[in-house]
Amino acid sequence: YQRRVRGSSMGKRHRDNIYSGNTISKDGHSALTKYFFGVDANKKLTLNDFVVFMDGLKEDVFKMEFNKYHPEVKQYLEDLSHDEEKKRSLITGKRVELAEELRRVRGIQDKLDAFIEELKKEHE
């Protein structure tokens, strides 16, 4: 991630201290200003600190979205679990076809193994 940011035009401006007029006022009272730059706005915000903050923010947003949609998704999956035709229509592709074929082959192999065991018992 840091390589992408450092190589970008934004990263180069920040690296070279060329800002586009965006400065932090020492009178700023927002929680984010205090979090990033300290109460007196004397603290420097590092890329690593910002990335850690953004990762935490993304995780929080994902959790909130999950909690918001969880009951609906749970009900949808419950409904889907009883509808074989709908499941088949949603799950398609070469890998799925290969997995189904492999399951059939394993079933045949299990039957052959059982048949061989029965033959062995008859010849004993």
N, C-alpha and C. Protein backbone atom coordinates (compact mmCIF):
# COMPACT_ATOMS: atom_id res chain seq x y z
N TYR A 1 0.83 -1.20 0.00
CA TYR A 1 0.00 0.00 0.00
C TYR A 1 0.87 1.25 0.00
N GLN A 2 1.88 1.26 0.86
CA GLN A 2 2.71 2.45 0.97
C GLN A 2 3.43 2.75 -0.34
N ARG A 3 3.82 1.70 -1.06
CA ARG A 3 4.49 1.92 -2.35
C ARG A 3 3.57 2.63 -3.33
N ARG A 4 2.29 2.24 -3.35
CA ARG A 4 1.34 2.87 -4.26
C ARG A 4 1.16 4.34 -3.90
N VAL A 5 1.04 4.63 -2.61
CA VAL A 5 0.82 6.02 -2.18
C VAL A 5 2.06 6.86 -2.47
N ARG A 6 3.24 6.31 -2.14
CA ARG A 6 4.47 7.09 -2.34
C ARG A 6 4.70 7.39 -3.82
N GLY A 7 4.31 6.47 -4.70
CA GLY A 7 4.51 6.68 -6.12
C GLY A 7 3.46 7.55 -6.77
N SER A 8 2.39 7.82 -6.06
CA SER A 8 1.31 8.62 -6.64
C SER A 8 1.67 10.11 -6.57
N SER A 9 0.93 10.90 -7.35
CA SER A 9 1.20 12.34 -7.33
C SER A 9 0.90 12.92 -5.95
N MET A 10 -0.14 12.41 -5.28
CA MET A 10 -0.46 12.88 -3.94
C MET A 10 0.69 12.54 -2.99
N GLY A 11 1.19 11.32 -3.08
CA GLY A 11 2.28 10.90 -2.21
C GLY A 11 3.53 11.74 -2.43
N LYS A 12 3.82 12.07 -3.70
CA LYS A 12 5.00 12.89 -4.01
C LYS A 12 4.85 14.30 -3.44
N ARG A 13 3.64 14.87 -3.53
CA ARG A 13 3.42 16.22 -2.97
C ARG A 13 3.64 16.20 -1.47
N HIS A 14 3.15 15.18 -0.80
CA HIS A 14 3.31 15.11 0.66
C HIS A 14 4.76 14.84 1.03
N ARG A 15 5.42 13.98 0.25
CA ARG A 15 6.82 13.68 0.52
C ARG A 15 7.68 14.93 0.38
N ASP A 16 7.36 15.73 -0.66
CA ASP A 16 8.14 16.93 -0.94
C ASP A 16 7.61 18.16 -0.22
N ASN A 17 6.64 17.97 0.69
CA ASN A 17 6.03 19.07 1.45
C ASN A 17 5.39 20.11 0.54
N ILE A 18 4.84 19.68 -0.56
CA ILE A 18 4.13 20.60 -1.46
C ILE A 18 2.65 20.32 -1.28
N TYR A 19 2.01 21.10 -0.47
CA TYR A 19 0.60 20.91 -0.18
C TYR A 19 -0.22 21.87 -1.01
N SER A 20 -1.45 21.53 -1.24
CA SER A 20 -2.31 22.36 -2.09
C SER A 20 -3.12 23.35 -1.26
N GLY A 21 -2.51 23.95 -0.25
CA GLY A 21 -3.21 24.94 0.55
C GLY A 21 -3.98 24.33 1.70
N ASN A 22 -3.99 23.03 1.83
CA ASN A 22 -4.70 22.38 2.93
C ASN A 22 -3.80 22.39 4.16
N THR A 23 -4.17 23.17 5.13
CA THR A 23 -3.39 23.24 6.36
C THR A 23 -4.31 23.01 7.54
N ILE A 24 -3.73 22.65 8.65
CA ILE A 24 -4.49 22.41 9.86
C ILE A 24 -4.42 23.65 10.74
N SER A 25 -5.55 24.17 11.07
CA SER A 25 -5.61 25.33 11.95
C SER A 25 -5.37 24.87 13.39
N LYS A 26 -4.59 25.62 14.11
CA LYS A 26 -4.35 25.29 15.51
C LYS A 26 -5.59 25.50 16.35
N ASP A 27 -6.58 26.21 15.79
CA ASP A 27 -7.83 26.46 16.50
C ASP A 27 -8.85 25.35 16.25
N GLY A 28 -8.52 24.39 15.39
CA GLY A 28 -9.45 23.31 15.06
C GLY A 28 -9.83 22.50 16.28
N HIS A 29 -11.12 22.25 16.43
CA HIS A 29 -11.59 21.52 17.61
C HIS A 29 -12.18 20.17 17.26
N SER A 30 -12.07 19.75 16.02
CA SER A 30 -12.71 18.48 15.65
C SER A 30 -11.96 17.32 16.29
N ALA A 31 -12.68 16.27 16.51
CA ALA A 31 -12.09 15.07 17.12
C ALA A 31 -11.01 14.47 16.22
N LEU A 32 -11.26 14.48 14.92
CA LEU A 32 -10.25 13.94 14.00
C LEU A 32 -8.97 14.78 14.00
N THR A 33 -9.12 16.08 14.04
CA THR A 33 -7.94 16.94 14.09
C THR A 33 -7.13 16.63 15.33
N LYS A 34 -7.79 16.52 16.46
CA LYS A 34 -7.08 16.20 17.70
C LYS A 34 -6.47 14.80 17.64
N TYR A 35 -7.20 13.85 17.05
CA TYR A 35 -6.70 12.48 16.95
C TYR A 35 -5.45 12.42 16.07
N PHE A 36 -5.51 13.07 14.90
CA PHE A 36 -4.39 13.00 13.97
C PHE A 36 -3.22 13.89 14.36
N PHE A 37 -3.50 15.10 14.86
CA PHE A 37 -2.45 16.09 15.05
C PHE A 37 -2.22 16.50 16.49
N GLY A 38 -2.96 15.91 17.44
CA GLY A 38 -2.80 16.26 18.84
C GLY A 38 -3.63 17.48 19.20
N VAL A 39 -3.77 17.72 20.48
CA VAL A 39 -4.59 18.82 20.98
C VAL A 39 -4.06 20.17 20.50
N ASP A 40 -2.74 20.30 20.46
CA ASP A 40 -2.13 21.57 20.05
C ASP A 40 -1.81 21.61 18.56
N ALA A 41 -2.19 20.59 17.81
CA ALA A 41 -1.93 20.47 16.37
C ALA A 41 -0.44 20.51 16.05
N ASN A 42 0.38 19.99 16.97
CA ASN A 42 1.82 19.96 16.76
C ASN A 42 2.32 18.58 16.33
N LYS A 43 1.50 17.59 16.44
CA LYS A 43 1.88 16.22 16.09
C LYS A 43 1.84 16.04 14.57
N LYS A 44 2.78 15.28 14.03
CA LYS A 44 2.79 15.00 12.60
C LYS A 44 2.03 13.70 12.34
N LEU A 45 1.25 13.70 11.30
CA LEU A 45 0.52 12.51 10.90
C LEU A 45 1.38 11.72 9.92
N THR A 46 1.71 10.49 10.29
CA THR A 46 2.52 9.66 9.40
C THR A 46 1.60 8.82 8.51
N LEU A 47 2.15 8.37 7.41
CA LEU A 47 1.39 7.53 6.50
C LEU A 47 0.95 6.25 7.20
N ASN A 48 1.84 5.67 7.98
CA ASN A 48 1.51 4.44 8.69
C ASN A 48 0.36 4.66 9.66
N ASP A 49 0.38 5.75 10.41
CA ASP A 49 -0.72 6.04 11.34
C ASP A 49 -2.03 6.20 10.59
N PHE A 50 -1.98 6.87 9.43
CA PHE A 50 -3.19 7.08 8.65
C PHE A 50 -3.71 5.76 8.09
N VAL A 51 -2.81 4.90 7.61
CA VAL A 51 -3.22 3.60 7.08
C VAL A 51 -3.86 2.76 8.17
N VAL A 52 -3.28 2.77 9.37
CA VAL A 52 -3.86 2.04 10.50
C VAL A 52 -5.25 2.57 10.81
N PHE A 53 -5.40 3.90 10.82
CA PHE A 53 -6.70 4.52 11.06
C PHE A 53 -7.71 4.09 10.00
N MET A 54 -7.31 4.16 8.72
CA MET A 54 -8.22 3.79 7.62
C MET A 54 -8.60 2.32 7.68
N ASP A 55 -7.66 1.44 8.03
CA ASP A 55 -7.99 0.02 8.16
C ASP A 55 -9.03 -0.19 9.25
N GLY A 56 -8.86 0.49 10.38
CA GLY A 56 -9.83 0.39 11.47
C GLY A 56 -11.18 0.94 11.06
N LEU A 57 -11.17 2.06 10.34
CA LEU A 57 -12.41 2.67 9.87
C LEU A 57 -13.16 1.73 8.91
N LYS A 58 -12.42 1.15 7.97
CA LYS A 58 -13.04 0.20 7.03
C LYS A 58 -13.65 -0.98 7.79
N GLU A 59 -12.92 -1.50 8.75
CA GLU A 59 -13.44 -2.63 9.53
C GLU A 59 -14.72 -2.25 10.27
N ASP A 60 -14.73 -1.06 10.85
CA ASP A 60 -15.94 -0.60 11.56
C ASP A 60 -17.12 -0.45 10.60
N VAL A 61 -16.87 0.09 9.41
CA VAL A 61 -17.95 0.25 8.43
C VAL A 61 -18.47 -1.11 7.99
N PHE A 62 -17.56 -2.06 7.74
CA PHE A 62 -17.99 -3.41 7.35
C PHE A 62 -18.84 -4.05 8.44
N LYS A 63 -18.43 -3.87 9.69
CA LYS A 63 -19.20 -4.44 10.80
C LYS A 63 -20.59 -3.82 10.89
N MET A 64 -20.66 -2.48 10.71
CA MET A 64 -21.96 -1.82 10.76
C MET A 64 -22.86 -2.29 9.61
N GLU A 65 -22.28 -2.44 8.41
CA GLU A 65 -23.07 -2.92 7.28
C GLU A 65 -23.53 -4.35 7.52
N PHE A 66 -22.63 -5.19 8.04
CA PHE A 66 -22.98 -6.57 8.33
C PHE A 66 -24.13 -6.63 9.33
N ASN A 67 -24.02 -5.85 10.41
CA ASN A 67 -25.07 -5.85 11.43
C ASN A 67 -26.40 -5.33 10.88
N LYS A 68 -26.32 -4.38 9.95
CA LYS A 68 -27.53 -3.83 9.35
C LYS A 68 -28.24 -4.87 8.49
N TYR A 69 -27.47 -5.60 7.69
CA TYR A 69 -28.06 -6.53 6.73
C TYR A 69 -28.12 -7.97 7.24
N HIS A 70 -27.53 -8.25 8.39
CA HIS A 70 -27.45 -9.62 8.89
C HIS A 70 -28.79 -10.34 8.93
N PRO A 71 -29.85 -9.76 9.52
CA PRO A 71 -31.13 -10.48 9.56
C PRO A 71 -31.68 -10.80 8.16
N GLU A 72 -31.55 -9.84 7.23
CA GLU A 72 -32.05 -10.06 5.88
C GLU A 72 -31.26 -11.14 5.16
N VAL A 73 -29.94 -11.10 5.31
CA VAL A 73 -29.09 -12.10 4.66
C VAL A 73 -29.35 -13.47 5.27
N LYS A 74 -29.48 -13.51 6.58
CA LYS A 74 -29.74 -14.79 7.25
C LYS A 74 -31.05 -15.39 6.75
N GLN A 75 -32.09 -14.58 6.62
CA GLN A 75 -33.37 -15.07 6.12
C GLN A 75 -33.26 -15.52 4.67
N TYR A 76 -32.55 -14.76 3.84
CA TYR A 76 -32.36 -15.13 2.44
C TYR A 76 -31.65 -16.48 2.33
N LEU A 77 -30.58 -16.65 3.11
CA LEU A 77 -29.85 -17.91 3.07
C LEU A 77 -30.70 -19.07 3.58
N GLU A 78 -31.52 -18.81 4.58
CA GLU A 78 -32.42 -19.84 5.09
C GLU A 78 -33.42 -20.25 4.01
N ASP A 79 -34.00 -19.27 3.33
CA ASP A 79 -34.93 -19.56 2.24
C ASP A 79 -34.23 -20.31 1.12
N LEU A 80 -33.02 -19.89 0.80
CA LEU A 80 -32.26 -20.50 -0.28
C LEU A 80 -31.88 -21.95 0.04
N SER A 81 -31.66 -22.24 1.30
CA SER A 81 -31.23 -23.59 1.67
C SER A 81 -32.29 -24.64 1.35
N HIS A 82 -33.54 -24.24 1.20
CA HIS A 82 -34.62 -25.19 0.90
C HIS A 82 -34.98 -25.23 -0.58
N ASP A 83 -34.37 -24.41 -1.40
CA ASP A 83 -34.71 -24.30 -2.81
C ASP A 83 -33.53 -24.78 -3.67
N GLU A 84 -33.52 -26.08 -3.99
CA GLU A 84 -32.42 -26.68 -4.74
C GLU A 84 -32.25 -26.05 -6.12
N GLU A 85 -33.37 -25.78 -6.80
CA GLU A 85 -33.29 -25.22 -8.15
C GLU A 85 -32.66 -23.83 -8.14
N LYS A 86 -33.05 -23.02 -7.16
CA LYS A 86 -32.49 -21.67 -7.05
C LYS A 86 -30.98 -21.73 -6.75
N LYS A 87 -30.59 -22.65 -5.85
CA LYS A 87 -29.16 -22.79 -5.54
C LYS A 87 -28.38 -23.16 -6.79
N ARG A 88 -28.90 -24.09 -7.58
CA ARG A 88 -28.20 -24.50 -8.80
C ARG A 88 -28.09 -23.35 -9.79
N SER A 89 -29.12 -22.51 -9.85
CA SER A 89 -29.07 -21.39 -10.79
C SER A 89 -28.04 -20.34 -10.36
N LEU A 90 -27.78 -20.24 -9.06
CA LEU A 90 -26.82 -19.25 -8.57
C LEU A 90 -25.38 -19.76 -8.61
N ILE A 91 -25.22 -21.06 -8.44
CA ILE A 91 -23.89 -21.65 -8.38
C ILE A 91 -23.63 -22.37 -9.70
N THR A 92 -22.88 -21.73 -10.56
CA THR A 92 -22.58 -22.29 -11.87
C THR A 92 -21.11 -22.08 -12.20
N GLY A 93 -20.68 -22.71 -13.25
CA GLY A 93 -19.31 -22.51 -13.71
C GLY A 93 -18.57 -23.82 -13.84
N LYS A 94 -17.42 -23.75 -14.46
CA LYS A 94 -16.62 -24.95 -14.76
C LYS A 94 -16.19 -25.66 -13.48
N ARG A 95 -15.76 -24.91 -12.48
CA ARG A 95 -15.31 -25.55 -11.23
C ARG A 95 -16.46 -26.27 -10.53
N VAL A 96 -17.64 -25.68 -10.57
CA VAL A 96 -18.80 -26.31 -9.96
C VAL A 96 -19.13 -27.60 -10.70
N GLU A 97 -19.09 -27.54 -12.04
CA GLU A 97 -19.36 -28.73 -12.84
C GLU A 97 -18.34 -29.82 -12.53
N LEU A 98 -17.07 -29.45 -12.43
CA LEU A 98 -16.02 -30.43 -12.11
C LEU A 98 -16.23 -31.02 -10.72
N ALA A 99 -16.62 -30.20 -9.76
CA ALA A 99 -16.85 -30.69 -8.40
C ALA A 99 -18.02 -31.67 -8.38
N GLU A 100 -19.07 -31.37 -9.13
CA GLU A 100 -20.21 -32.30 -9.20
C GLU A 100 -19.80 -33.61 -9.86
N GLU A 101 -19.01 -33.53 -10.92
CA GLU A 101 -18.54 -34.74 -11.59
C GLU A 101 -17.65 -35.56 -10.65
N LEU A 102 -16.80 -34.91 -9.92
CA LEU A 102 -15.93 -35.60 -8.96
C LEU A 102 -16.76 -36.29 -7.88
N ARG A 103 -17.82 -35.62 -7.42
CA ARG A 103 -18.70 -36.22 -6.42
C ARG A 103 -19.35 -37.49 -6.97
N ARG A 104 -19.79 -37.44 -8.24
CA ARG A 104 -20.39 -38.63 -8.86
C ARG A 104 -19.36 -39.75 -8.99
N VAL A 105 -18.14 -39.41 -9.41
CA VAL A 105 -17.08 -40.41 -9.56
C VAL A 105 -16.76 -41.04 -8.20
N ARG A 106 -16.70 -40.23 -7.17
CA ARG A 106 -16.44 -40.78 -5.82
C ARG A 106 -17.55 -41.72 -5.39
N GLY A 107 -18.78 -41.37 -5.72
CA GLY A 107 -19.90 -42.26 -5.41
C GLY A 107 -19.77 -43.59 -6.11
N ILE A 108 -19.39 -43.56 -7.38
CA ILE A 108 -19.18 -44.81 -8.13
C ILE A 108 -18.02 -45.58 -7.54
N GLN A 109 -16.94 -44.88 -7.18
CA GLN A 109 -15.78 -45.54 -6.59
C GLN A 109 -16.15 -46.21 -5.27
N ASP A 110 -16.96 -45.55 -4.45
CA ASP A 110 -17.40 -46.14 -3.19
C ASP A 110 -18.20 -47.42 -3.44
N LYS A 111 -19.06 -47.39 -4.44
CA LYS A 111 -19.84 -48.59 -4.77
C LYS A 111 -18.94 -49.71 -5.28
N LEU A 112 -17.95 -49.35 -6.09
CA LEU A 112 -17.00 -50.37 -6.57
C LEU A 112 -16.20 -50.97 -5.41
N ASP A 113 -15.76 -50.12 -4.50
CA ASP A 113 -15.02 -50.61 -3.33
C ASP A 113 -15.87 -51.58 -2.51
N ALA A 114 -17.14 -51.21 -2.33
CA ALA A 114 -18.04 -52.09 -1.58
C ALA A 114 -18.24 -53.41 -2.32
N PHE A 115 -18.37 -53.35 -3.65
CA PHE A 115 -18.54 -54.55 -4.46
C PHE A 115 -17.31 -55.46 -4.35
N ILE A 116 -16.13 -54.85 -4.42
CA ILE A 116 -14.88 -55.64 -4.31
C ILE A 116 -14.78 -56.30 -2.94
N GLU A 117 -15.18 -55.60 -1.90
CA GLU A 117 -15.13 -56.17 -0.55
C GLU A 117 -16.09 -57.37 -0.47
N GLU A 118 -17.26 -57.26 -1.07
CA GLU A 118 -18.20 -58.37 -1.07
C GLU A 118 -17.64 -59.56 -1.83
N LEU A 119 -16.98 -59.31 -2.96
CA LEU A 119 -16.35 -60.40 -3.72
C LEU A 119 -15.28 -61.09 -2.92
N LYS A 120 -14.48 -60.31 -2.20
CA LYS A 120 -13.42 -60.87 -1.38
C LYS A 120 -14.01 -61.75 -0.29
N LYS A 121 -15.11 -61.33 0.30
CA LYS A 121 -15.76 -62.11 1.35
C LYS A 121 -16.29 -63.43 0.80
N GLU A 122 -16.82 -63.42 -0.43
CA GLU A 122 -17.35 -64.64 -1.05
C GLU A 122 -16.25 -65.64 -1.35
N HIS A 123 -15.05 -65.19 -1.65
CA HIS A 123 -13.95 -66.06 -2.04
C HIS A 123 -13.13 -66.53 -0.83
N GLU A 124 -13.45 -66.09 0.31
CA GLU A 124 -12.69 -66.50 1.50
C GLU A 124 -13.17 -67.82 2.01
